Every structure is written in C-alpha cells, then in structure tokens.
Amino acid sequence: MNSLKIRKSGTFYNVFDNDCYILYFFFNYNIKNQKVGFPNSALNKIINKLEEFKINYEVIGGNEQNNFKNLNKYEKYVLLGKEKYEKDIKYADIVDKLHKASEEKLDKILENIERILDE
C-alpha cells in the first residue's frame, strides 16, 4: 500500500517523485527535479489535508508520524495531481507562445479561440 513519504531536512520537509504531484494538486507547490520542499510550519496543514482526503502518509525524521488507518486514496490523487500538472505546463507554454506571437498571428489565434468557445 502506497503512502506519501515526508522527509525532514533541516528546517524543511521534502517529498519526492509521485508524492510531489499530490502536494502540487492540493497546494500548487513548485516541483523541481521531482522534489517539493516546504517549511516546518506547513507540516500540520499538509497532514490535515492528507487525512481529510484519506491519503496515507509517513513523516520520516524529526517527529515520526504515520497514518495508515484510512482507506488509501494515494493513487487517485497522484493521477489527479499529474493531470493538473501537465495541464498547467501546457497552459504556461501556450501563454509563453502567445507573448512571443506577432500581432497578426495573435489576432488569428484570438478569433479561433472565440469561435471555439462560442460553439
């Protein structure tokens, strides 16, 4: 059974790999090199959210904690987090391209967007 692993590192906590997508889904934390970091002061907020949504977790280092009593919805929120992350990356890429587009091209793009939205 999977659980989100929260690792203490000095005055911060880190999560890695798929666990990052869960924190991205709920808190929009930046993912860098498959890692999300957050300050000690945010730990209770994160744990409360994980418990609210029935996601098993382990806190490793410092105050050891775990919660394995809930029905585990870890996989569900990893998938939702990945979907949200991928959409946000696409959106940011499109916005970047729009900023770089010529006025003529931008006018055509906006016309097409309006047409699609009005369908």
C-alpha atoms as a PDB file:
ATOM      1  CA  MET A   1       0.000   0.000   0.000  1.00  0.00           C
ATOM      2  CA  ASN A   2       1.457   3.351  -1.033  1.00  0.00           C
ATOM      3  CA  SER A   3       1.872   6.287   1.284  1.00  0.00           C
ATOM      4  CA  LEU A   4       3.155   9.805   0.832  1.00  0.00           C
ATOM      5  CA  LYS A   5       6.594   9.996   2.438  1.00  0.00           C
ATOM      6  CA  ILE A   6       7.529  13.319   4.032  1.00  0.00           C
ATOM      7  CA  ARG A   7      11.244  13.550   4.849  1.00  0.00           C
ATOM      8  CA  LYS A   8      12.674  16.094   7.284  1.00  0.00           C
ATOM      9  CA  SER A   9      15.708  18.033   6.079  1.00  0.00           C
ATOM     10  CA  GLY A  10      16.821  20.770   8.471  1.00  0.00           C
ATOM     11  CA  THR A  11      14.074  23.363   8.763  1.00  0.00           C
ATOM     12  CA  PHE A  12      12.243  21.948   5.748  1.00  0.00           C
ATOM     13  CA  TYR A  13      10.415  18.830   4.707  1.00  0.00           C
ATOM     14  CA  ASN A  14      10.722  17.277   1.262  1.00  0.00           C
ATOM     15  CA  VAL A  15       8.655  14.879  -0.797  1.00  0.00           C
ATOM     16  CA  PHE A  16       9.893  13.162  -3.937  1.00  0.00           C
ATOM     17  CA  ASP A  17       8.722  11.528  -7.150  1.00  0.00           C
ATOM     18  CA  ASN A  18       4.967  10.775  -7.350  1.00  0.00           C
ATOM     19  CA  ASP A  19       4.383  12.274  -3.902  1.00  0.00           C
ATOM     20  CA  CYS A  20       5.153  15.685  -5.422  1.00  0.00           C
ATOM     21  CA  TYR A  21       2.043  15.555  -7.573  1.00  0.00           C
ATOM     22  CA  ILE A  22      -0.217  15.171  -4.559  1.00  0.00           C
ATOM     23  CA  LEU A  23       1.190  18.311  -2.938  1.00  0.00           C
ATOM     24  CA  TYR A  24       1.011  20.081  -6.288  1.00  0.00           C
ATOM     25  CA  PHE A  25      -2.647  19.094  -6.624  1.00  0.00           C
ATOM     26  CA  PHE A  26      -3.628  20.465  -3.220  1.00  0.00           C
ATOM     27  CA  PHE A  27      -1.180  23.337  -2.686  1.00  0.00           C
ATOM     28  CA  ASN A  28       0.355  24.216  -6.093  1.00  0.00           C
ATOM     29  CA  TYR A  29       3.845  23.741  -4.675  1.00  0.00           C
ATOM     30  CA  ASN A  30       6.574  24.019  -7.303  1.00  0.00           C
ATOM     31  CA  ILE A  31       8.063  20.746  -8.469  1.00  0.00           C
ATOM     32  CA  LYS A  32      11.790  20.879  -9.218  1.00  0.00           C
ATOM     33  CA  ASN A  33      13.711  17.772 -10.177  1.00  0.00           C
ATOM     34  CA  GLN A  34      10.920  15.536  -8.886  1.00  0.00           C
ATOM     35  CA  LYS A  35      11.101  17.219  -5.450  1.00  0.00           C
ATOM     36  CA  VAL A  36       8.840  19.527  -3.453  1.00  0.00           C
ATOM     37  CA  GLY A  37      10.040  21.275  -0.318  1.00  0.00           C
ATOM     38  CA  PHE A  38       8.077  23.143   2.317  1.00  0.00           C
ATOM     39  CA  PRO A  39       8.881  24.746   5.696  1.00  0.00           C
ATOM     40  CA  ASN A  40       8.329  23.013   9.032  1.00  0.00           C
ATOM     41  CA  SER A  41       5.495  25.442   9.746  1.00  0.00           C
ATOM     42  CA  ALA A  42       3.409  23.939   6.904  1.00  0.00           C
ATOM     43  CA  LEU A  43       3.567  20.328   8.132  1.00  0.00           C
ATOM     44  CA  ASN A  44       0.318  20.380  10.120  1.00  0.00           C
ATOM     45  CA  LYS A  45      -1.576  21.987   7.228  1.00  0.00           C
ATOM     46  CA  ILE A  46      -0.325  19.255   4.899  1.00  0.00           C
ATOM     47  CA  ILE A  47      -1.075  16.422   7.303  1.00  0.00           C
ATOM     48  CA  ASN A  48      -4.592  17.761   7.899  1.00  0.00           C
ATOM     49  CA  LYS A  49      -5.245  17.823   4.137  1.00  0.00           C
ATOM     50  CA  LEU A  50      -3.866  14.302   3.673  1.00  0.00           C
ATOM     51  CA  GLU A  51      -6.075  12.984   6.455  1.00  0.00           C
ATOM     52  CA  GLU A  52      -9.102  14.876   5.133  1.00  0.00           C
ATOM     53  CA  PHE A  53      -8.707  13.216   1.731  1.00  0.00           C
ATOM     54  CA  LYS A  54      -7.761   9.820   3.159  1.00  0.00           C
ATOM     55  CA  ILE A  55      -4.205   9.678   1.854  1.00  0.00           C
ATOM     56  CA  ASN A  56      -1.783   7.542   3.849  1.00  0.00           C
ATOM     57  CA  TYR A  57       1.438   9.269   4.846  1.00  0.00           C
ATOM     58  CA  GLU A  58       4.667   8.824   6.770  1.00  0.00           C
ATOM     59  CA  VAL A  59       6.787  11.575   8.328  1.00  0.00           C
ATOM     60  CA  ILE A  60      10.408  10.433   8.394  1.00  0.00           C
ATOM     61  CA  GLY A  61      12.951  12.224  10.590  1.00  0.00           C
ATOM     62  CA  GLY A  62      12.114  14.531  13.445  1.00  0.00           C
ATOM     63  CA  ASN A  63       8.659  13.759  14.805  1.00  0.00           C
ATOM     64  CA  GLU A  64       7.930  10.340  13.329  1.00  0.00           C
ATOM     65  CA  GLN A  65       4.267  10.125  12.370  1.00  0.00           C
ATOM     66  CA  ASN A  66       2.171   7.978  10.120  1.00  0.00           C
ATOM     67  CA  ASN A  67      -1.415   7.405   9.229  1.00  0.00           C
ATOM     68  CA  PHE A  68      -2.360   4.090   7.699  1.00  0.00           C
ATOM     69  CA  LYS A  69      -5.860   3.759   9.145  1.00  0.00           C
ATOM     70  CA  ASN A  70      -7.748   5.481   6.323  1.00  0.00           C
ATOM     71  CA  LEU A  71      -8.939   3.986   3.089  1.00  0.00           C
ATOM     72  CA  ASN A  72      -5.957   4.882   0.971  1.00  0.00           C
ATOM     73  CA  LYS A  73      -6.660   7.218  -1.927  1.00  0.00           C
ATOM     74  CA  TYR A  74      -2.980   7.835  -2.684  1.00  0.00           C
ATOM     75  CA  GLU A  75      -3.080   6.577  -6.286  1.00  0.00           C
ATOM     76  CA  LYS A  76      -6.196   8.611  -7.102  1.00  0.00           C
ATOM     77  CA  TYR A  77      -4.541  11.866  -6.033  1.00  0.00           C
ATOM     78  CA  VAL A  78      -1.240  11.055  -7.738  1.00  0.00           C
ATOM     79  CA  LEU A  79      -3.170  10.731 -11.017  1.00  0.00           C
ATOM     80  CA  LEU A  80      -5.186  13.905 -10.393  1.00  0.00           C
ATOM     81  CA  GLY A  81      -2.001  15.762  -9.494  1.00  0.00           C
ATOM     82  CA  LYS A  82      -0.207  14.582 -12.648  1.00  0.00           C
ATOM     83  CA  GLU A  83      -3.153  15.621 -14.811  1.00  0.00           C
ATOM     84  CA  LYS A  84      -3.281  19.059 -13.201  1.00  0.00           C
ATOM     85  CA  TYR A  85       0.496  19.478 -13.515  1.00  0.00           C
ATOM     86  CA  GLU A  86       0.503  18.506 -17.199  1.00  0.00           C
ATOM     87  CA  LYS A  87      -2.366  20.911 -17.975  1.00  0.00           C
ATOM     88  CA  ASP A  88      -0.650  23.729 -16.099  1.00  0.00           C
ATOM     89  CA  ILE A  89       2.605  23.109 -18.001  1.00  0.00           C
ATOM     90  CA  LYS A  90       0.705  23.200 -21.320  1.00  0.00           C
ATOM     91  CA  TYR A  91      -1.094  26.368 -20.276  1.00  0.00           C
ATOM     92  CA  ALA A  92       2.187  28.077 -19.313  1.00  0.00           C
ATOM     93  CA  ASP A  93       3.717  27.006 -22.638  1.00  0.00           C
ATOM     94  CA  ILE A  94       0.762  28.422 -24.585  1.00  0.00           C
ATOM     95  CA  VAL A  95       0.897  31.708 -22.656  1.00  0.00           C
ATOM     96  CA  ASP A  96       4.612  31.967 -23.397  1.00  0.00           C
ATOM     97  CA  LYS A  97       3.995  31.373 -27.105  1.00  0.00           C
ATOM     98  CA  LEU A  98       1.197  33.967 -27.120  1.00  0.00           C
ATOM     99  CA  HIS A  99       3.541  36.560 -25.653  1.00  0.00           C
ATOM    100  CA  LYS A 100       6.014  35.844 -28.439  1.00  0.00           C
ATOM    101  CA  ALA A 101       3.453  35.837 -31.281  1.00  0.00           C
ATOM    102  CA  SER A 102       3.174  38.641 -33.784  1.00  0.00           C
ATOM    103  CA  GLU A 103       0.118  40.913 -33.633  1.00  0.00           C
ATOM    104  CA  GLU A 104      -1.265  39.359 -36.818  1.00  0.00           C
ATOM    105  CA  LYS A 105      -0.869  35.816 -35.544  1.00  0.00           C
ATOM    106  CA  LEU A 106      -2.297  36.768 -32.151  1.00  0.00           C
ATOM    107  CA  ASP A 107      -5.411  38.241 -33.806  1.00  0.00           C
ATOM    108  CA  LYS A 108      -5.972  34.970 -35.717  1.00  0.00           C
ATOM    109  CA  ILE A 109      -5.470  32.897 -32.569  1.00  0.00           C
ATOM    110  CA  LEU A 110      -7.948  35.007 -30.611  1.00  0.00           C
ATOM    111  CA  GLU A 111     -10.523  34.768 -33.408  1.00  0.00           C
ATOM    112  CA  ASN A 112     -10.200  30.964 -33.382  1.00  0.00           C
ATOM    113  CA  ILE A 113     -10.460  30.788 -29.612  1.00  0.00           C
ATOM    114  CA  GLU A 114     -13.612  32.934 -29.620  1.00  0.00           C
ATOM    115  CA  ARG A 115     -15.127  30.819 -32.384  1.00  0.00           C
ATOM    116  CA  ILE A 116     -14.455  27.591 -30.491  1.00  0.00           C
ATOM    117  CA  LEU A 117     -15.808  28.984 -27.223  1.00  0.00           C
ATOM    118  CA  ASP A 118     -18.964  30.235 -28.938  1.00  0.00           C
ATOM    119  CA  GLU A 119     -19.769  26.813 -30.476  1.00  0.00           C
END
